[in-house]
Amino acid sequence: MQLKSMKLSKQESKEATTPGVEKGPRYPYGLCISLEKETLDKLGMSKLPKVGSTITVSARAKVESVSERDSTGGGKHRSMSLQITDIGLEGEATKAEDALYGNNK
């Protein structure tokens, strides 16, 4: 699987900027995943990684909905909604934890 950067171009970021906010977003809305305590516990992450570290996320998702439509003047619009059903994390934090505590996952 080849990873593709989702980072917005300067023009896309400018177009997505909220009025009154100096700097626009770096990535499109909806690409941020928030993992809370219960999820982190299920993933076996007792220690949190440092901010800025990199983690590889592997996931299985169920397609919940798809939509495709043509509009006059607006072009073609396509969208898809995914529900992540299974997830795995690998990176600096998980490797360090495995080395210190063993892989008990």
N, C-alpha and C. Protein backbone atom coordinates (compact mmCIF):
# COMPACT_ATOMS: atom_id res chain seq x y z
N MET A 1 0.85 -1.17 0.00
CA MET A 1 0.00 0.00 0.00
C MET A 1 0.90 1.24 0.00
N GLN A 2 0.64 2.12 -0.92
CA GLN A 2 1.40 3.37 -1.00
C GLN A 2 0.62 4.46 -0.27
N LEU A 3 1.31 5.19 0.60
CA LEU A 3 0.68 6.27 1.34
C LEU A 3 0.69 7.55 0.52
N LYS A 4 -0.39 8.29 0.55
CA LYS A 4 -0.53 9.55 -0.17
C LYS A 4 -0.68 10.69 0.83
N SER A 5 0.05 11.76 0.62
CA SER A 5 -0.06 12.92 1.50
C SER A 5 -1.41 13.61 1.29
N MET A 6 -2.08 13.94 2.37
CA MET A 6 -3.35 14.64 2.32
C MET A 6 -3.19 16.13 2.66
N LYS A 7 -1.95 16.57 2.84
CA LYS A 7 -1.69 17.96 3.22
C LYS A 7 -2.27 18.90 2.16
N LEU A 8 -2.95 19.94 2.63
CA LEU A 8 -3.55 20.91 1.72
C LEU A 8 -2.48 21.80 1.11
N SER A 9 -2.70 22.19 -0.14
CA SER A 9 -1.82 23.18 -0.77
C SER A 9 -2.08 24.53 -0.10
N LYS A 10 -1.20 25.49 -0.33
CA LYS A 10 -1.40 26.82 0.25
C LYS A 10 -2.73 27.42 -0.18
N GLN A 11 -3.10 27.22 -1.45
CA GLN A 11 -4.37 27.75 -1.96
C GLN A 11 -5.55 27.04 -1.30
N GLU A 12 -5.50 25.72 -1.18
CA GLU A 12 -6.58 24.96 -0.53
C GLU A 12 -6.72 25.39 0.94
N SER A 13 -5.60 25.58 1.61
CA SER A 13 -5.61 26.00 3.01
C SER A 13 -6.24 27.39 3.13
N LYS A 14 -5.88 28.27 2.22
CA LYS A 14 -6.43 29.64 2.22
C LYS A 14 -7.95 29.60 2.03
N GLU A 15 -8.41 28.76 1.10
CA GLU A 15 -9.85 28.63 0.83
C GLU A 15 -10.61 28.03 2.01
N ALA A 16 -9.94 27.20 2.82
CA ALA A 16 -10.59 26.54 3.96
C ALA A 16 -10.48 27.35 5.24
N THR A 17 -9.82 28.50 5.18
CA THR A 17 -9.61 29.32 6.38
C THR A 17 -10.92 29.95 6.84
N THR A 18 -11.17 29.90 8.12
CA THR A 18 -12.33 30.52 8.73
C THR A 18 -12.09 32.03 8.81
N PRO A 19 -13.08 32.84 8.46
CA PRO A 19 -12.89 34.29 8.56
C PRO A 19 -12.45 34.69 9.97
N GLY A 20 -11.47 35.57 10.06
CA GLY A 20 -10.96 36.02 11.35
C GLY A 20 -9.84 35.16 11.90
N VAL A 21 -9.54 34.05 11.22
CA VAL A 21 -8.46 33.18 11.66
C VAL A 21 -7.27 33.40 10.72
N GLU A 22 -6.09 33.64 11.32
CA GLU A 22 -4.91 33.95 10.51
C GLU A 22 -4.46 32.81 9.63
N LYS A 23 -4.35 31.63 10.20
CA LYS A 23 -3.77 30.50 9.49
C LYS A 23 -4.83 29.44 9.20
N GLY A 24 -4.81 28.90 7.99
CA GLY A 24 -5.76 27.87 7.61
C GLY A 24 -5.31 26.50 8.06
N PRO A 25 -6.18 25.49 7.89
CA PRO A 25 -5.84 24.13 8.30
C PRO A 25 -4.75 23.55 7.40
N ARG A 26 -4.00 22.60 7.95
CA ARG A 26 -2.95 21.93 7.15
C ARG A 26 -3.51 20.71 6.43
N TYR A 27 -4.59 20.13 6.98
CA TYR A 27 -5.19 18.93 6.39
C TYR A 27 -6.70 19.11 6.32
N PRO A 28 -7.38 18.39 5.40
CA PRO A 28 -8.83 18.53 5.26
C PRO A 28 -9.58 18.11 6.53
N TYR A 29 -10.76 18.69 6.71
CA TYR A 29 -11.64 18.35 7.81
C TYR A 29 -11.96 16.86 7.76
N GLY A 30 -12.01 16.22 8.91
CA GLY A 30 -12.43 14.83 9.00
C GLY A 30 -11.29 13.83 8.97
N LEU A 31 -10.05 14.28 8.82
CA LEU A 31 -8.93 13.34 8.77
C LEU A 31 -8.26 13.14 10.11
N CYS A 32 -8.72 13.83 11.14
CA CYS A 32 -8.13 13.69 12.47
C CYS A 32 -8.90 12.61 13.24
N ILE A 33 -8.17 11.65 13.80
CA ILE A 33 -8.78 10.58 14.59
C ILE A 33 -8.43 10.83 16.05
N SER A 34 -9.41 10.83 16.91
CA SER A 34 -9.19 11.03 18.34
C SER A 34 -9.39 9.70 19.07
N LEU A 35 -8.37 9.26 19.78
CA LEU A 35 -8.45 8.01 20.53
C LEU A 35 -8.51 8.33 22.02
N GLU A 36 -9.58 7.95 22.66
CA GLU A 36 -9.79 8.22 24.08
C GLU A 36 -9.26 7.07 24.93
N LYS A 37 -9.32 7.22 26.24
CA LYS A 37 -8.75 6.27 27.20
C LYS A 37 -9.17 4.82 26.92
N GLU A 38 -10.46 4.58 26.72
CA GLU A 38 -10.95 3.22 26.53
C GLU A 38 -10.33 2.59 25.28
N THR A 39 -10.22 3.37 24.21
CA THR A 39 -9.63 2.87 22.97
C THR A 39 -8.14 2.61 23.15
N LEU A 40 -7.44 3.55 23.80
CA LEU A 40 -6.01 3.37 24.06
C LEU A 40 -5.77 2.13 24.92
N ASP A 41 -6.64 1.90 25.89
CA ASP A 41 -6.53 0.70 26.74
C ASP A 41 -6.68 -0.56 25.89
N LYS A 42 -7.67 -0.59 24.99
CA LYS A 42 -7.88 -1.75 24.11
C LYS A 42 -6.66 -1.99 23.23
N LEU A 43 -6.00 -0.90 22.83
CA LEU A 43 -4.82 -1.01 21.97
C LEU A 43 -3.55 -1.33 22.76
N GLY A 44 -3.67 -1.38 24.09
CA GLY A 44 -2.54 -1.72 24.93
C GLY A 44 -1.53 -0.60 25.09
N MET A 45 -1.95 0.63 24.90
CA MET A 45 -1.03 1.77 25.03
C MET A 45 -1.14 2.37 26.43
N SER A 46 -0.27 1.93 27.32
CA SER A 46 -0.29 2.46 28.69
C SER A 46 0.53 3.74 28.79
N LYS A 47 1.43 3.98 27.84
CA LYS A 47 2.21 5.22 27.81
C LYS A 47 1.90 5.95 26.51
N LEU A 48 1.71 7.25 26.60
CA LEU A 48 1.42 8.04 25.41
C LEU A 48 2.72 8.45 24.71
N PRO A 49 2.69 8.53 23.38
CA PRO A 49 3.87 8.97 22.65
C PRO A 49 4.09 10.47 22.82
N LYS A 50 5.28 10.93 22.47
CA LYS A 50 5.56 12.37 22.51
C LYS A 50 4.82 13.05 21.37
N VAL A 51 4.36 14.28 21.61
CA VAL A 51 3.73 15.07 20.56
C VAL A 51 4.74 15.26 19.44
N GLY A 52 4.32 15.04 18.22
CA GLY A 52 5.19 15.18 17.06
C GLY A 52 5.80 13.87 16.60
N SER A 53 5.70 12.81 17.42
CA SER A 53 6.24 11.52 16.99
C SER A 53 5.30 10.93 15.92
N THR A 54 5.81 9.97 15.19
CA THR A 54 5.06 9.37 14.09
C THR A 54 4.58 7.98 14.47
N ILE A 55 3.33 7.69 14.16
CA ILE A 55 2.74 6.37 14.40
C ILE A 55 2.08 5.92 13.11
N THR A 56 2.29 4.66 12.76
CA THR A 56 1.62 4.08 11.60
C THR A 56 0.29 3.50 12.06
N VAL A 57 -0.78 3.85 11.37
CA VAL A 57 -2.11 3.36 11.69
C VAL A 57 -2.55 2.41 10.59
N SER A 58 -2.88 1.20 10.96
CA SER A 58 -3.46 0.24 10.03
C SER A 58 -4.89 0.03 10.48
N ALA A 59 -5.81 0.07 9.54
CA ALA A 59 -7.22 -0.03 9.93
C ALA A 59 -8.03 -0.81 8.91
N ARG A 60 -9.09 -1.40 9.39
CA ARG A 60 -10.11 -2.01 8.55
C ARG A 60 -11.36 -1.17 8.77
N ALA A 61 -12.03 -0.85 7.69
CA ALA A 61 -13.23 -0.01 7.80
C ALA A 61 -14.37 -0.58 6.97
N LYS A 62 -15.57 -0.35 7.45
CA LYS A 62 -16.78 -0.75 6.73
C LYS A 62 -17.30 0.48 5.98
N VAL A 63 -17.63 0.30 4.71
CA VAL A 63 -18.20 1.39 3.94
C VAL A 63 -19.63 1.59 4.40
N GLU A 64 -19.90 2.74 4.99
CA GLU A 64 -21.25 3.04 5.52
C GLU A 64 -22.15 3.68 4.47
N SER A 65 -21.57 4.54 3.62
CA SER A 65 -22.37 5.18 2.59
C SER A 65 -21.48 5.66 1.46
N VAL A 66 -22.05 5.74 0.27
CA VAL A 66 -21.37 6.32 -0.88
C VAL A 66 -22.35 7.26 -1.57
N SER A 67 -21.80 8.29 -2.19
CA SER A 67 -22.64 9.26 -2.88
C SER A 67 -21.88 9.81 -4.08
N GLU A 68 -22.58 9.93 -5.20
CA GLU A 68 -21.98 10.53 -6.39
C GLU A 68 -23.09 11.28 -7.12
N ARG A 69 -22.79 12.53 -7.46
CA ARG A 69 -23.81 13.31 -8.18
C ARG A 69 -23.13 14.33 -9.08
N ASP A 70 -23.81 14.68 -10.14
CA ASP A 70 -23.38 15.74 -11.04
C ASP A 70 -24.30 16.93 -10.82
N SER A 71 -23.71 18.12 -10.84
CA SER A 71 -24.55 19.31 -10.73
C SER A 71 -24.14 20.30 -11.80
N THR A 72 -25.10 21.06 -12.25
CA THR A 72 -24.80 22.06 -13.27
C THR A 72 -23.90 23.13 -12.67
N GLY A 73 -22.80 23.36 -13.30
CA GLY A 73 -21.86 24.38 -12.83
C GLY A 73 -20.99 23.95 -11.67
N GLY A 74 -21.37 22.90 -10.97
CA GLY A 74 -20.60 22.47 -9.81
C GLY A 74 -19.73 21.26 -10.06
N GLY A 75 -19.91 20.63 -11.20
CA GLY A 75 -19.11 19.46 -11.51
C GLY A 75 -19.58 18.22 -10.76
N LYS A 76 -18.72 17.24 -10.73
CA LYS A 76 -19.05 15.96 -10.11
C LYS A 76 -18.63 15.98 -8.63
N HIS A 77 -19.51 15.51 -7.77
CA HIS A 77 -19.22 15.40 -6.33
C HIS A 77 -19.27 13.93 -5.96
N ARG A 78 -18.20 13.45 -5.30
CA ARG A 78 -18.16 12.07 -4.83
C ARG A 78 -17.78 12.07 -3.36
N SER A 79 -18.38 11.18 -2.59
CA SER A 79 -18.00 11.06 -1.18
C SER A 79 -18.24 9.63 -0.72
N MET A 80 -17.57 9.30 0.38
CA MET A 80 -17.70 7.98 0.96
C MET A 80 -17.54 8.11 2.46
N SER A 81 -18.36 7.43 3.23
CA SER A 81 -18.27 7.44 4.68
C SER A 81 -17.78 6.07 5.14
N LEU A 82 -16.73 6.07 5.97
CA LEU A 82 -16.16 4.83 6.46
C LEU A 82 -16.27 4.75 7.98
N GLN A 83 -16.62 3.58 8.48
CA GLN A 83 -16.62 3.32 9.91
C GLN A 83 -15.45 2.41 10.20
N ILE A 84 -14.44 2.90 10.92
CA ILE A 84 -13.30 2.06 11.27
C ILE A 84 -13.80 1.00 12.25
N THR A 85 -13.53 -0.27 11.93
CA THR A 85 -13.99 -1.37 12.79
C THR A 85 -12.83 -2.04 13.52
N ASP A 86 -11.64 -2.03 12.95
CA ASP A 86 -10.46 -2.63 13.57
C ASP A 86 -9.29 -1.69 13.31
N ILE A 87 -8.42 -1.53 14.31
CA ILE A 87 -7.31 -0.61 14.17
C ILE A 87 -6.08 -1.15 14.88
N GLY A 88 -4.93 -0.85 14.36
CA GLY A 88 -3.66 -1.21 14.98
C GLY A 88 -2.70 -0.04 14.87
N LEU A 89 -1.85 0.12 15.86
CA LEU A 89 -0.89 1.22 15.87
C LEU A 89 0.51 0.65 15.95
N GLU A 90 1.44 1.29 15.25
CA GLU A 90 2.84 0.90 15.32
C GLU A 90 3.67 2.17 15.16
N GLY A 91 4.67 2.32 15.99
CA GLY A 91 5.52 3.49 15.88
C GLY A 91 6.48 3.57 17.03
N GLU A 92 7.08 4.73 17.19
CA GLU A 92 8.08 4.94 18.22
C GLU A 92 7.57 4.54 19.61
N ALA A 93 6.38 4.97 19.95
CA ALA A 93 5.84 4.72 21.30
C ALA A 93 5.57 3.24 21.51
N THR A 94 4.96 2.57 20.53
CA THR A 94 4.62 1.17 20.72
C THR A 94 5.87 0.30 20.72
N LYS A 95 6.88 0.63 19.90
CA LYS A 95 8.13 -0.13 19.90
C LYS A 95 8.86 0.02 21.22
N ALA A 96 8.89 1.25 21.75
CA ALA A 96 9.55 1.49 23.04
C ALA A 96 8.83 0.74 24.15
N GLU A 97 7.52 0.74 24.13
CA GLU A 97 6.74 0.05 25.15
C GLU A 97 6.97 -1.45 25.07
N ASP A 98 7.01 -1.99 23.84
CA ASP A 98 7.29 -3.42 23.68
C ASP A 98 8.65 -3.78 24.26
N ALA A 99 9.64 -2.93 24.01
CA ALA A 99 11.00 -3.20 24.50
C ALA A 99 11.04 -3.17 26.03
N LEU A 100 10.29 -2.23 26.62
CA LEU A 100 10.31 -2.11 28.08
C LEU A 100 9.44 -3.15 28.79
N TYR A 101 8.25 -3.39 28.24
CA TYR A 101 7.27 -4.20 28.95
C TYR A 101 6.94 -5.52 28.27
N GLY A 102 7.51 -5.79 27.11
CA GLY A 102 7.16 -6.99 26.36
C GLY A 102 5.89 -6.78 25.58
N ASN A 103 5.67 -7.56 24.57
CA ASN A 103 4.47 -7.41 23.74
C ASN A 103 3.38 -8.31 24.30
N ASN A 104 2.50 -7.74 25.14
CA ASN A 104 1.39 -8.48 25.76
C ASN A 104 0.07 -8.22 25.08
N LYS A 105 0.10 -7.78 23.84
CA LYS A 105 -1.13 -7.41 23.14
C LYS A 105 -1.78 -8.61 22.52
